[in-house]
Structure formats: structure tokens, C-alpha cells
N, C-alpha and C. Protein backbone atom coordinates (compact mmCIF):
# COMPACT_ATOMS: atom_id res chain seq x y z
N UNK A 1 11.01 -18.70 -9.27
CA UNK A 1 11.09 -17.28 -9.55
C UNK A 1 10.75 -17.01 -11.00
N UNK A 2 11.13 -17.93 -11.89
CA UNK A 2 10.86 -17.70 -13.30
C UNK A 2 9.37 -17.64 -13.58
N UNK A 3 8.56 -18.43 -12.81
CA UNK A 3 7.11 -18.37 -13.00
C UNK A 3 6.58 -17.00 -12.61
N UNK A 4 7.09 -16.45 -11.53
CA UNK A 4 6.65 -15.14 -11.07
C UNK A 4 7.02 -14.08 -12.09
N UNK A 5 8.26 -14.09 -12.59
CA UNK A 5 8.70 -13.12 -13.58
C UNK A 5 7.92 -13.28 -14.87
N UNK A 6 7.69 -14.52 -15.27
CA UNK A 6 6.92 -14.76 -16.50
C UNK A 6 5.51 -14.21 -16.36
N UNK A 7 4.90 -14.41 -15.19
CA UNK A 7 3.55 -13.89 -14.96
C UNK A 7 3.55 -12.37 -14.97
N UNK A 8 4.60 -11.74 -14.42
CA UNK A 8 4.69 -10.28 -14.44
C UNK A 8 4.83 -9.78 -15.87
N UNK A 9 5.67 -10.43 -16.68
CA UNK A 9 5.84 -10.01 -18.07
C UNK A 9 4.53 -10.12 -18.83
N UNK A 10 3.81 -11.20 -18.60
CA UNK A 10 2.52 -11.39 -19.26
C UNK A 10 1.54 -10.30 -18.83
N UNK A 11 1.51 -10.01 -17.55
CA UNK A 11 0.59 -9.00 -17.03
C UNK A 11 0.90 -7.62 -17.59
N UNK A 12 2.18 -7.31 -17.75
CA UNK A 12 2.54 -5.98 -18.25
C UNK A 12 2.22 -5.84 -19.73
N UNK A 13 2.22 -6.93 -20.47
CA UNK A 13 2.00 -6.83 -21.91
C UNK A 13 0.53 -6.81 -22.28
N UNK A 14 -0.36 -7.11 -21.34
CA UNK A 14 -1.78 -7.15 -21.64
C UNK A 14 -2.45 -5.86 -21.20
N UNK A 15 -3.68 -5.69 -21.64
CA UNK A 15 -4.49 -4.56 -21.20
C UNK A 15 -4.70 -4.70 -19.70
N UNK A 16 -4.71 -3.60 -18.98
CA UNK A 16 -4.88 -3.70 -17.54
C UNK A 16 -6.22 -4.33 -17.22
N UNK A 17 -6.28 -5.11 -16.12
CA UNK A 17 -7.49 -5.85 -15.80
C UNK A 17 -8.73 -4.98 -15.63
N UNK A 18 -8.59 -3.75 -15.19
CA UNK A 18 -9.76 -2.91 -14.95
C UNK A 18 -10.38 -2.37 -16.24
N UNK A 19 -9.73 -2.55 -17.38
CA UNK A 19 -10.26 -1.97 -18.60
C UNK A 19 -10.93 -2.98 -19.52
N UNK A 20 -11.01 -4.22 -19.09
CA UNK A 20 -11.63 -5.23 -19.93
C UNK A 20 -12.60 -6.05 -19.11
N UNK A 21 -13.47 -6.79 -19.78
CA UNK A 21 -14.39 -7.66 -19.08
C UNK A 21 -13.59 -8.79 -18.45
N UNK A 22 -13.88 -9.07 -17.20
CA UNK A 22 -13.15 -10.10 -16.50
C UNK A 22 -13.81 -11.44 -16.74
N UNK A 23 -13.00 -12.41 -17.08
CA UNK A 23 -13.48 -13.78 -17.23
C UNK A 23 -12.63 -14.65 -16.31
N UNK A 24 -13.13 -15.81 -15.97
CA UNK A 24 -12.37 -16.70 -15.13
C UNK A 24 -13.06 -16.95 -13.81
N UNK A 25 -12.36 -17.60 -12.90
CA UNK A 25 -13.00 -18.03 -11.65
C UNK A 25 -13.42 -16.90 -10.72
N UNK A 26 -12.89 -15.70 -10.92
CA UNK A 26 -13.21 -14.59 -10.01
C UNK A 26 -14.08 -13.53 -10.69
N UNK A 27 -14.68 -13.87 -11.83
CA UNK A 27 -15.46 -12.91 -12.62
C UNK A 27 -16.64 -12.33 -11.84
N UNK A 28 -17.34 -13.17 -11.09
CA UNK A 28 -18.50 -12.68 -10.35
C UNK A 28 -18.08 -11.72 -9.24
N UNK A 29 -16.99 -12.05 -8.57
CA UNK A 29 -16.49 -11.16 -7.51
C UNK A 29 -16.05 -9.84 -8.13
N UNK A 30 -15.36 -9.93 -9.27
CA UNK A 30 -14.87 -8.73 -9.95
C UNK A 30 -16.03 -7.83 -10.35
N UNK A 31 -17.07 -8.42 -10.94
CA UNK A 31 -18.22 -7.63 -11.39
C UNK A 31 -18.89 -6.94 -10.21
N UNK A 32 -19.04 -7.66 -9.13
CA UNK A 32 -19.67 -7.10 -7.94
C UNK A 32 -18.82 -5.96 -7.36
N UNK A 33 -17.50 -6.18 -7.29
CA UNK A 33 -16.59 -5.18 -6.73
C UNK A 33 -16.57 -3.92 -7.61
N UNK A 34 -16.51 -4.11 -8.93
CA UNK A 34 -16.47 -2.97 -9.84
C UNK A 34 -17.77 -2.18 -9.84
N UNK A 35 -18.88 -2.86 -9.53
CA UNK A 35 -20.18 -2.19 -9.47
C UNK A 35 -20.33 -1.41 -8.16
N UNK A 36 -19.35 -1.52 -7.28
CA UNK A 36 -19.40 -0.79 -6.02
C UNK A 36 -20.19 -1.48 -4.94
N UNK A 37 -20.56 -2.73 -5.19
CA UNK A 37 -21.31 -3.48 -4.19
C UNK A 37 -20.36 -4.00 -3.12
N UNK A 38 -20.88 -4.14 -1.92
CA UNK A 38 -20.06 -4.67 -0.84
C UNK A 38 -19.88 -6.17 -1.01
N UNK A 39 -18.64 -6.62 -0.86
CA UNK A 39 -18.36 -8.04 -0.98
C UNK A 39 -18.71 -8.76 0.31
N UNK A 40 -19.15 -10.01 0.18
CA UNK A 40 -19.44 -10.81 1.36
C UNK A 40 -18.11 -11.22 2.01
N UNK A 41 -18.20 -11.68 3.25
CA UNK A 41 -17.00 -12.16 3.93
C UNK A 41 -16.36 -13.31 3.17
N UNK A 42 -17.17 -14.17 2.61
CA UNK A 42 -16.66 -15.32 1.84
C UNK A 42 -15.91 -14.85 0.59
N UNK A 43 -16.45 -13.84 -0.09
CA UNK A 43 -15.78 -13.31 -1.29
C UNK A 43 -14.46 -12.63 -0.93
N UNK A 44 -14.48 -11.86 0.16
CA UNK A 44 -13.25 -11.22 0.61
C UNK A 44 -12.22 -12.27 1.02
N UNK A 45 -12.66 -13.33 1.70
CA UNK A 45 -11.76 -14.41 2.09
C UNK A 45 -11.14 -15.08 0.86
N UNK A 46 -11.91 -15.23 -0.20
CA UNK A 46 -11.39 -15.81 -1.43
C UNK A 46 -10.27 -14.95 -2.00
N UNK A 47 -10.48 -13.63 -2.02
CA UNK A 47 -9.46 -12.70 -2.51
C UNK A 47 -8.21 -12.78 -1.63
N UNK A 48 -8.41 -12.78 -0.32
CA UNK A 48 -7.27 -12.83 0.60
C UNK A 48 -6.52 -14.14 0.45
N UNK A 49 -7.23 -15.24 0.26
CA UNK A 49 -6.57 -16.54 0.06
C UNK A 49 -5.68 -16.52 -1.18
N UNK A 50 -6.16 -15.92 -2.26
CA UNK A 50 -5.36 -15.80 -3.48
C UNK A 50 -4.11 -14.97 -3.19
N UNK A 51 -4.29 -13.85 -2.50
CA UNK A 51 -3.16 -12.97 -2.20
C UNK A 51 -2.13 -13.67 -1.31
N UNK A 52 -2.59 -14.39 -0.30
CA UNK A 52 -1.66 -15.09 0.59
C UNK A 52 -0.91 -16.19 -0.16
N UNK A 53 -1.59 -16.88 -1.04
CA UNK A 53 -0.92 -17.92 -1.84
C UNK A 53 0.21 -17.31 -2.67
N UNK A 54 -0.06 -16.20 -3.31
CA UNK A 54 0.97 -15.52 -4.12
C UNK A 54 2.09 -15.00 -3.22
N UNK A 55 1.72 -14.42 -2.09
CA UNK A 55 2.72 -13.89 -1.17
C UNK A 55 3.63 -15.01 -0.65
N UNK A 56 3.06 -16.15 -0.30
CA UNK A 56 3.87 -17.27 0.19
C UNK A 56 4.80 -17.79 -0.91
N UNK A 57 4.33 -17.79 -2.15
CA UNK A 57 5.17 -18.24 -3.25
C UNK A 57 6.38 -17.32 -3.40
N UNK A 58 6.16 -16.03 -3.34
CA UNK A 58 7.27 -15.08 -3.47
C UNK A 58 8.19 -15.18 -2.25
N UNK A 59 7.61 -15.30 -1.05
CA UNK A 59 8.42 -15.41 0.16
C UNK A 59 9.27 -16.68 0.14
N UNK A 60 8.84 -17.68 -0.60
CA UNK A 60 9.62 -18.91 -0.72
C UNK A 60 11.01 -18.66 -1.27
N UNK A 61 11.16 -17.65 -2.08
CA UNK A 61 12.47 -17.32 -2.65
C UNK A 61 13.40 -16.69 -1.60
N UNK A 62 12.82 -16.34 -0.45
CA UNK A 62 13.61 -15.78 0.65
C UNK A 62 13.65 -16.76 1.83
N UNK A 63 13.31 -18.02 1.56
CA UNK A 63 13.24 -19.06 2.59
C UNK A 63 12.33 -18.64 3.73
N UNK A 64 11.23 -17.99 3.40
CA UNK A 64 10.30 -17.51 4.42
C UNK A 64 8.85 -17.85 4.08
N UNK A 65 8.65 -18.89 3.27
CA UNK A 65 7.29 -19.24 2.83
C UNK A 65 6.38 -19.64 3.98
N UNK A 66 6.97 -20.16 5.07
CA UNK A 66 6.17 -20.60 6.20
C UNK A 66 6.04 -19.54 7.29
N UNK A 67 6.47 -18.34 7.01
CA UNK A 67 6.38 -17.25 8.00
C UNK A 67 4.93 -16.94 8.32
N UNK A 68 4.66 -16.59 9.58
CA UNK A 68 3.29 -16.20 9.94
C UNK A 68 2.87 -14.94 9.18
N UNK A 69 1.63 -14.92 8.72
CA UNK A 69 1.07 -13.75 8.03
C UNK A 69 -0.21 -13.36 8.75
N UNK A 70 -0.19 -12.19 9.38
CA UNK A 70 -1.40 -11.67 10.03
C UNK A 70 -2.17 -10.87 9.00
N UNK A 71 -3.47 -11.04 9.00
CA UNK A 71 -4.30 -10.25 8.08
C UNK A 71 -5.30 -9.44 8.88
N UNK A 72 -5.47 -8.19 8.48
CA UNK A 72 -6.45 -7.33 9.13
C UNK A 72 -6.86 -6.23 8.15
N UNK A 73 -7.95 -5.56 8.48
CA UNK A 73 -8.47 -4.50 7.61
C UNK A 73 -7.86 -3.17 8.02
N UNK A 74 -7.44 -2.41 7.01
CA UNK A 74 -6.85 -1.09 7.25
C UNK A 74 -7.92 -0.03 7.40
N UNK A 75 -7.48 1.19 7.64
CA UNK A 75 -8.39 2.32 7.85
C UNK A 75 -9.22 2.67 6.62
N UNK A 76 -8.67 2.41 5.44
CA UNK A 76 -9.36 2.78 4.20
C UNK A 76 -10.01 1.59 3.51
N UNK A 77 -10.27 0.50 4.25
CA UNK A 77 -10.93 -0.66 3.69
C UNK A 77 -10.00 -1.63 2.99
N UNK A 78 -8.71 -1.35 2.97
CA UNK A 78 -7.76 -2.26 2.34
C UNK A 78 -7.47 -3.43 3.28
N UNK A 79 -7.01 -4.53 2.72
CA UNK A 79 -6.60 -5.67 3.51
C UNK A 79 -5.09 -5.58 3.67
N UNK A 80 -4.63 -5.71 4.91
CA UNK A 80 -3.20 -5.62 5.19
C UNK A 80 -2.70 -7.01 5.57
N UNK A 81 -1.66 -7.45 4.88
CA UNK A 81 -1.02 -8.72 5.18
C UNK A 81 0.34 -8.40 5.79
N UNK A 82 0.49 -8.68 7.07
CA UNK A 82 1.73 -8.36 7.79
C UNK A 82 2.52 -9.65 8.01
N UNK A 83 3.68 -9.74 7.36
CA UNK A 83 4.53 -10.92 7.45
C UNK A 83 5.46 -10.76 8.65
N UNK A 84 5.50 -11.79 9.48
CA UNK A 84 6.37 -11.76 10.66
C UNK A 84 7.52 -12.72 10.43
N UNK A 85 8.67 -12.17 10.12
CA UNK A 85 9.88 -12.98 9.92
C UNK A 85 11.08 -12.08 10.14
N UNK A 86 11.89 -12.39 11.13
CA UNK A 86 13.02 -11.51 11.46
C UNK A 86 14.08 -11.41 10.37
N UNK A 87 14.11 -12.35 9.44
CA UNK A 87 15.16 -12.32 8.41
C UNK A 87 14.71 -11.64 7.12
N UNK A 88 13.65 -10.86 7.17
CA UNK A 88 13.14 -10.22 5.96
C UNK A 88 13.41 -8.73 5.90
N UNK A 89 14.34 -8.24 6.67
CA UNK A 89 14.69 -6.81 6.62
C UNK A 89 15.12 -6.41 5.21
N UNK A 90 15.66 -7.36 4.46
CA UNK A 90 16.09 -7.07 3.09
C UNK A 90 14.89 -6.64 2.23
N UNK A 91 13.69 -7.10 2.57
CA UNK A 91 12.50 -6.71 1.82
C UNK A 91 11.99 -5.33 2.19
N UNK A 92 12.44 -4.80 3.31
CA UNK A 92 12.05 -3.44 3.69
C UNK A 92 12.96 -2.45 2.99
N UNK A 93 14.27 -2.69 3.07
CA UNK A 93 15.22 -1.80 2.42
C UNK A 93 15.35 -0.47 3.15
N UNK A 94 16.18 0.37 2.60
CA UNK A 94 16.43 1.68 3.22
C UNK A 94 15.20 2.58 3.05
N UNK A 95 14.71 3.09 4.14
CA UNK A 95 13.53 3.96 4.17
C UNK A 95 12.31 3.31 3.51
N UNK A 96 12.27 1.98 3.49
CA UNK A 96 11.11 1.26 2.96
C UNK A 96 11.01 1.22 1.45
N UNK A 97 12.07 1.63 0.76
CA UNK A 97 11.99 1.69 -0.71
C UNK A 97 11.84 0.31 -1.34
N UNK A 98 12.53 -0.69 -0.80
CA UNK A 98 12.41 -2.04 -1.35
C UNK A 98 11.01 -2.57 -1.10
N UNK A 99 10.45 -2.27 0.07
CA UNK A 99 9.08 -2.70 0.37
C UNK A 99 8.08 -2.04 -0.57
N UNK A 100 8.31 -0.78 -0.93
CA UNK A 100 7.44 -0.11 -1.91
C UNK A 100 7.49 -0.83 -3.26
N UNK A 101 8.68 -1.21 -3.69
CA UNK A 101 8.82 -1.93 -4.96
C UNK A 101 8.19 -3.31 -4.87
N UNK A 102 8.39 -3.97 -3.74
CA UNK A 102 7.78 -5.28 -3.51
C UNK A 102 6.27 -5.17 -3.58
N UNK A 103 5.72 -4.09 -2.99
CA UNK A 103 4.27 -3.87 -3.01
C UNK A 103 3.76 -3.74 -4.45
N UNK A 104 4.50 -3.00 -5.26
CA UNK A 104 4.10 -2.81 -6.66
C UNK A 104 4.06 -4.16 -7.39
N UNK A 105 5.12 -4.95 -7.22
CA UNK A 105 5.18 -6.26 -7.88
C UNK A 105 4.06 -7.17 -7.37
N UNK A 106 3.87 -7.19 -6.07
CA UNK A 106 2.84 -8.04 -5.47
C UNK A 106 1.45 -7.64 -5.97
N UNK A 107 1.16 -6.35 -6.00
CA UNK A 107 -0.14 -5.87 -6.48
C UNK A 107 -0.39 -6.27 -7.92
N UNK A 108 0.65 -6.20 -8.72
CA UNK A 108 0.54 -6.60 -10.13
C UNK A 108 0.22 -8.08 -10.24
N UNK A 109 0.90 -8.91 -9.47
CA UNK A 109 0.65 -10.36 -9.51
C UNK A 109 -0.77 -10.70 -9.06
N UNK A 110 -1.22 -10.08 -7.97
CA UNK A 110 -2.55 -10.36 -7.45
C UNK A 110 -3.62 -9.88 -8.44
N UNK A 111 -3.43 -8.68 -8.98
CA UNK A 111 -4.40 -8.14 -9.95
C UNK A 111 -4.49 -9.04 -11.17
N UNK A 112 -3.36 -9.53 -11.60
CA UNK A 112 -3.32 -10.42 -12.78
C UNK A 112 -4.07 -11.71 -12.50
N UNK A 113 -3.87 -12.27 -11.32
CA UNK A 113 -4.52 -13.53 -10.96
C UNK A 113 -6.03 -13.35 -10.80
N UNK A 114 -6.45 -12.26 -10.15
CA UNK A 114 -7.86 -12.02 -9.90
C UNK A 114 -8.59 -11.49 -11.14
N UNK A 115 -7.87 -10.69 -11.94
CA UNK A 115 -8.50 -10.05 -13.09
C UNK A 115 -9.02 -8.66 -12.76
N UNK A 116 -8.78 -8.19 -11.56
CA UNK A 116 -9.16 -6.84 -11.16
C UNK A 116 -8.28 -6.40 -10.00
N UNK A 117 -8.27 -5.10 -9.75
CA UNK A 117 -7.44 -4.57 -8.66
C UNK A 117 -8.24 -4.51 -7.36
N UNK A 118 -7.67 -5.07 -6.33
CA UNK A 118 -8.27 -5.03 -5.00
C UNK A 118 -7.19 -4.54 -4.05
N UNK A 119 -7.50 -3.61 -3.15
CA UNK A 119 -6.46 -3.02 -2.30
C UNK A 119 -5.94 -3.98 -1.23
N UNK A 120 -4.77 -4.55 -1.49
CA UNK A 120 -4.11 -5.42 -0.52
C UNK A 120 -2.71 -4.86 -0.30
N UNK A 121 -2.37 -4.62 0.95
CA UNK A 121 -1.09 -4.03 1.32
C UNK A 121 -0.24 -5.08 2.02
N UNK A 122 1.02 -5.18 1.62
CA UNK A 122 1.95 -6.08 2.29
C UNK A 122 2.81 -5.26 3.24
N UNK A 123 2.92 -5.74 4.47
CA UNK A 123 3.78 -5.12 5.46
C UNK A 123 4.73 -6.19 5.97
N UNK A 124 5.93 -5.78 6.36
CA UNK A 124 6.92 -6.71 6.90
C UNK A 124 7.23 -6.26 8.33
N UNK A 125 6.96 -7.16 9.29
CA UNK A 125 7.26 -6.88 10.70
C UNK A 125 6.63 -5.57 11.19
N UNK A 126 5.47 -5.18 10.64
CA UNK A 126 4.79 -3.97 11.07
C UNK A 126 5.48 -2.68 10.68
N UNK A 127 6.40 -2.72 9.69
CA UNK A 127 7.15 -1.53 9.30
C UNK A 127 6.23 -0.39 8.87
N UNK A 128 5.28 -0.69 7.99
CA UNK A 128 4.40 0.37 7.49
C UNK A 128 3.54 0.95 8.61
N UNK A 129 3.11 0.10 9.52
CA UNK A 129 2.31 0.56 10.65
C UNK A 129 3.12 1.52 11.53
N UNK A 130 4.36 1.13 11.82
CA UNK A 130 5.23 2.01 12.62
C UNK A 130 5.52 3.30 11.87
N UNK A 131 5.75 3.20 10.56
CA UNK A 131 6.04 4.38 9.75
C UNK A 131 4.81 5.30 9.72
N UNK A 132 3.63 4.71 9.63
CA UNK A 132 2.38 5.48 9.65
C UNK A 132 2.30 6.31 10.93
N UNK A 133 2.54 5.67 12.07
CA UNK A 133 2.47 6.37 13.35
C UNK A 133 3.52 7.47 13.42
N UNK A 134 4.73 7.18 12.95
CA UNK A 134 5.81 8.17 13.00
C UNK A 134 5.49 9.38 12.12
N UNK A 135 4.95 9.15 10.93
CA UNK A 135 4.61 10.25 10.02
C UNK A 135 3.46 11.08 10.59
N UNK A 136 2.48 10.41 11.18
CA UNK A 136 1.36 11.13 11.78
C UNK A 136 1.85 12.04 12.91
N UNK A 137 2.72 11.52 13.77
CA UNK A 137 3.28 12.34 14.85
C UNK A 137 4.09 13.51 14.30
N UNK A 138 4.90 13.23 13.26
CA UNK A 138 5.72 14.27 12.65
C UNK A 138 4.83 15.37 12.06
N UNK A 139 3.73 14.97 11.40
CA UNK A 139 2.82 15.93 10.80
C UNK A 139 2.17 16.82 11.87
N UNK A 140 1.77 16.21 12.97
CA UNK A 140 1.14 16.98 14.04
C UNK A 140 2.12 17.95 14.69
N UNK A 141 3.38 17.52 14.88
CA UNK A 141 4.39 18.42 15.44
C UNK A 141 4.68 19.58 14.48
N UNK A 142 4.77 19.27 13.18
CA UNK A 142 5.02 20.32 12.18
C UNK A 142 3.85 21.30 12.11
N UNK A 143 2.63 20.78 12.24
CA UNK A 143 1.46 21.66 12.23
C UNK A 143 1.49 22.60 13.43
N UNK A 144 1.87 22.07 14.58
CA UNK A 144 1.97 22.92 15.78
C UNK A 144 3.03 24.00 15.59
N UNK A 145 4.17 23.65 14.96
CA UNK A 145 5.22 24.65 14.68
C UNK A 145 4.71 25.72 13.72
N UNK A 146 3.97 25.29 12.68
CA UNK A 146 3.44 26.25 11.70
C UNK A 146 2.45 27.20 12.36
N UNK A 147 1.62 26.68 13.25
CA UNK A 147 0.65 27.52 13.94
C UNK A 147 1.35 28.51 14.87
N UNK A 148 2.35 28.02 15.63
CA UNK A 148 3.09 28.89 16.55
C UNK A 148 3.80 30.03 15.81
N UNK A 149 4.35 29.72 14.64
CA UNK A 149 5.12 30.73 13.89
C UNK A 149 4.25 31.52 12.92
N UNK A 150 2.99 31.16 12.80
CA UNK A 150 2.08 31.80 11.83
C UNK A 150 2.68 31.76 10.42
N UNK A 151 3.32 30.65 10.08
CA UNK A 151 3.97 30.52 8.78
C UNK A 151 3.80 29.12 8.21
N UNK A 152 4.82 28.68 7.48
CA UNK A 152 4.79 27.38 6.82
C UNK A 152 5.97 26.52 7.27
N UNK A 153 5.75 25.23 7.25
CA UNK A 153 6.80 24.26 7.57
C UNK A 153 6.86 23.26 6.43
N UNK A 154 8.07 23.08 5.87
CA UNK A 154 8.27 22.08 4.81
C UNK A 154 8.81 20.81 5.44
N UNK A 155 8.20 19.69 5.11
CA UNK A 155 8.69 18.40 5.60
C UNK A 155 9.74 17.84 4.65
N UNK A 156 10.41 16.79 5.08
CA UNK A 156 11.41 16.13 4.25
C UNK A 156 10.73 15.51 3.03
N UNK A 157 11.45 15.26 1.95
CA UNK A 157 10.86 14.58 0.79
C UNK A 157 10.30 13.22 1.19
N UNK A 158 9.15 12.89 0.63
CA UNK A 158 8.47 11.63 0.95
C UNK A 158 7.89 11.04 -0.33
N UNK A 159 7.64 9.73 -0.29
CA UNK A 159 6.96 9.11 -1.42
C UNK A 159 5.47 9.45 -1.35
N UNK A 160 4.72 9.09 -2.37
CA UNK A 160 3.31 9.47 -2.46
C UNK A 160 2.49 8.92 -1.30
N UNK A 161 2.75 7.69 -0.90
CA UNK A 161 2.02 7.07 0.21
C UNK A 161 2.21 7.88 1.49
N UNK A 162 3.45 8.26 1.78
CA UNK A 162 3.74 9.00 3.00
C UNK A 162 3.17 10.41 2.94
N UNK A 163 3.23 11.06 1.78
CA UNK A 163 2.64 12.39 1.65
C UNK A 163 1.13 12.33 1.91
N UNK A 164 0.51 11.29 1.40
CA UNK A 164 -0.92 11.10 1.61
C UNK A 164 -1.23 10.96 3.10
N UNK A 165 -0.38 10.24 3.83
CA UNK A 165 -0.57 10.09 5.27
C UNK A 165 -0.56 11.45 5.98
N UNK A 166 0.34 12.33 5.56
CA UNK A 166 0.42 13.67 6.17
C UNK A 166 -0.88 14.42 5.90
N UNK A 167 -1.32 14.42 4.63
CA UNK A 167 -2.56 15.13 4.28
C UNK A 167 -3.75 14.59 5.09
N UNK A 168 -3.82 13.25 5.22
CA UNK A 168 -4.92 12.65 5.97
C UNK A 168 -4.83 12.97 7.46
N UNK A 169 -3.62 12.97 8.00
CA UNK A 169 -3.44 13.24 9.43
C UNK A 169 -3.89 14.64 9.79
N UNK A 170 -3.77 15.59 8.86
CA UNK A 170 -4.08 17.00 9.17
C UNK A 170 -5.36 17.51 8.52
N UNK A 171 -6.10 16.64 7.85
CA UNK A 171 -7.29 17.11 7.12
C UNK A 171 -8.36 17.71 8.03
N UNK A 172 -8.43 17.27 9.28
CA UNK A 172 -9.44 17.80 10.20
C UNK A 172 -8.94 18.97 11.03
N UNK A 173 -7.68 19.34 10.85
CA UNK A 173 -7.11 20.47 11.60
C UNK A 173 -7.45 21.76 10.85
N UNK A 174 -8.37 22.56 11.39
CA UNK A 174 -8.84 23.77 10.71
C UNK A 174 -7.82 24.90 10.77
N UNK A 175 -6.75 24.73 11.53
CA UNK A 175 -5.75 25.77 11.68
C UNK A 175 -4.62 25.69 10.66
N UNK A 176 -4.59 24.62 9.88
CA UNK A 176 -3.53 24.47 8.88
C UNK A 176 -4.08 23.96 7.55
N UNK A 177 -3.31 24.22 6.51
CA UNK A 177 -3.58 23.66 5.17
C UNK A 177 -2.33 22.93 4.73
N UNK A 178 -2.50 21.91 3.91
CA UNK A 178 -1.34 21.16 3.40
C UNK A 178 -1.39 21.11 1.89
N UNK A 179 -0.22 21.12 1.29
CA UNK A 179 -0.11 20.90 -0.14
C UNK A 179 1.28 20.33 -0.42
N UNK A 180 1.43 19.69 -1.59
CA UNK A 180 2.71 19.11 -1.95
C UNK A 180 3.40 20.00 -2.98
N UNK A 181 4.74 20.06 -2.88
CA UNK A 181 5.55 20.85 -3.80
C UNK A 181 6.71 20.02 -4.31
N UNK A 182 7.19 20.38 -5.50
CA UNK A 182 8.37 19.74 -6.05
C UNK A 182 8.03 18.54 -6.92
N UNK A 183 9.08 17.90 -7.40
CA UNK A 183 8.92 16.72 -8.24
C UNK A 183 9.62 15.54 -7.57
N UNK A 184 9.06 14.35 -7.78
CA UNK A 184 9.67 13.15 -7.20
C UNK A 184 11.08 12.99 -7.71
N UNK A 185 12.00 12.56 -6.92
CA UNK A 185 11.88 12.04 -5.57
C UNK A 185 12.01 13.11 -4.49
N UNK A 186 12.03 14.38 -4.87
CA UNK A 186 12.19 15.47 -3.90
C UNK A 186 10.86 16.14 -3.54
N UNK A 187 9.74 15.53 -3.89
CA UNK A 187 8.43 16.10 -3.58
C UNK A 187 8.18 16.04 -2.09
N UNK A 188 7.67 17.13 -1.52
CA UNK A 188 7.48 17.22 -0.08
C UNK A 188 6.16 17.90 0.24
N UNK A 189 5.70 17.73 1.46
CA UNK A 189 4.47 18.37 1.94
C UNK A 189 4.85 19.66 2.65
N UNK A 190 4.08 20.70 2.36
CA UNK A 190 4.23 21.98 3.06
C UNK A 190 2.97 22.19 3.88
N UNK A 191 3.18 22.49 5.15
CA UNK A 191 2.07 22.73 6.09
C UNK A 191 2.06 24.21 6.41
N UNK A 192 0.93 24.87 6.13
CA UNK A 192 0.83 26.32 6.34
C UNK A 192 -0.28 26.65 7.33
N UNK A 193 0.01 27.60 8.22
CA UNK A 193 -1.01 28.07 9.16
C UNK A 193 -2.01 28.93 8.39
N UNK A 194 -3.29 28.85 8.78
CA UNK A 194 -4.32 29.67 8.13
C UNK A 194 -4.78 30.78 9.06
């Protein structure tokens, strides 16, 4: 654990990887990615291998280093690593808050190792996937209520990721508009009929 914390401290004290020239074993991949070029399957596999190695190291502190990790591509081109281990509910936490913090730490470690930011999402037991489906359904039901009442519906406070899911779920619905109101942690999406 001390190696992980030491690496996080080092990463936080340096200039962020995206603002400097990348050197090291992943420099060519970084240059190609930053230039907006599509990465080859081999280059993407290299990035995923680095991420899985870091994830397994961190999971080792929870006696879950050998847990199965499914990898697949998300809707927005991100790589999703879904850890399957029944004893990792502690990493999800209440309303996924611990998983959000874990994601931040994990992203920092991977970015530091690679020298650039690449979208990799960690999920535990499909929690984020289930939450995505639940938020999408909730957004659609709220939109239907807003349309029926010719008014607005305010959703419960959500984190930025969840608010984004609501906006994306309703972006093609021409009968409603969405916007966020308030300040974190009480920021919420308001759905209004047009």
C-alpha cells in the first residue's frame, strides 16, 4: 500500500501528464492518442494491461488480487474493467461514493504510469452498469411526468457522472430540455417540458 500512496503523492506533486511532453515506454502511444489518432488494438491492449496490473495491485490490499476482471468497451469509447468479487461491496460504498473515490485514485495511478490520461472505468460487480440503467429509466419516467404536466421535474441530487447520464438519456427527446441546478453535493437535474 505504501508504494501506491507514494506513487499518488509523487503524481500529485508533478505537473499533470497532459501538460508536458511524455517520455518513457508509452511515449509513442501517448503522442498518437493526444494527436487524436485511433490507437491500434495492440496499443489499446498495452494500455489495458497496465491498468489491469495496477488494479490487481490495489485489489491485493482487499485480498481480491485474483478476482476475475472483465474488460469491454463502453458507449463513449472508454474501457470498462468490471471486477467480479462478492466481498468487494466495501469498494462500492453507500450510493457508490467509495467507488467514485476509488475511480479517482485509480485514474491518477494509471495516468501517472502511462504519462497521459486514457478513459478507463472501474466497476465492481456491474454496479455502475446497473446504476446507469436505473438512472436512464428514472430520467425517462421523469421526462414523461414533465410532459404530462407541461412543467418541470427536479430529480434527486446526483454526482456529475450521474447527472451526465440523465442529460445523455434525454438528449434526443425533443419534448424536454434538461439543465443542472444547485451546488454540489446538492446539484440536481431539472427536466422541463418544451
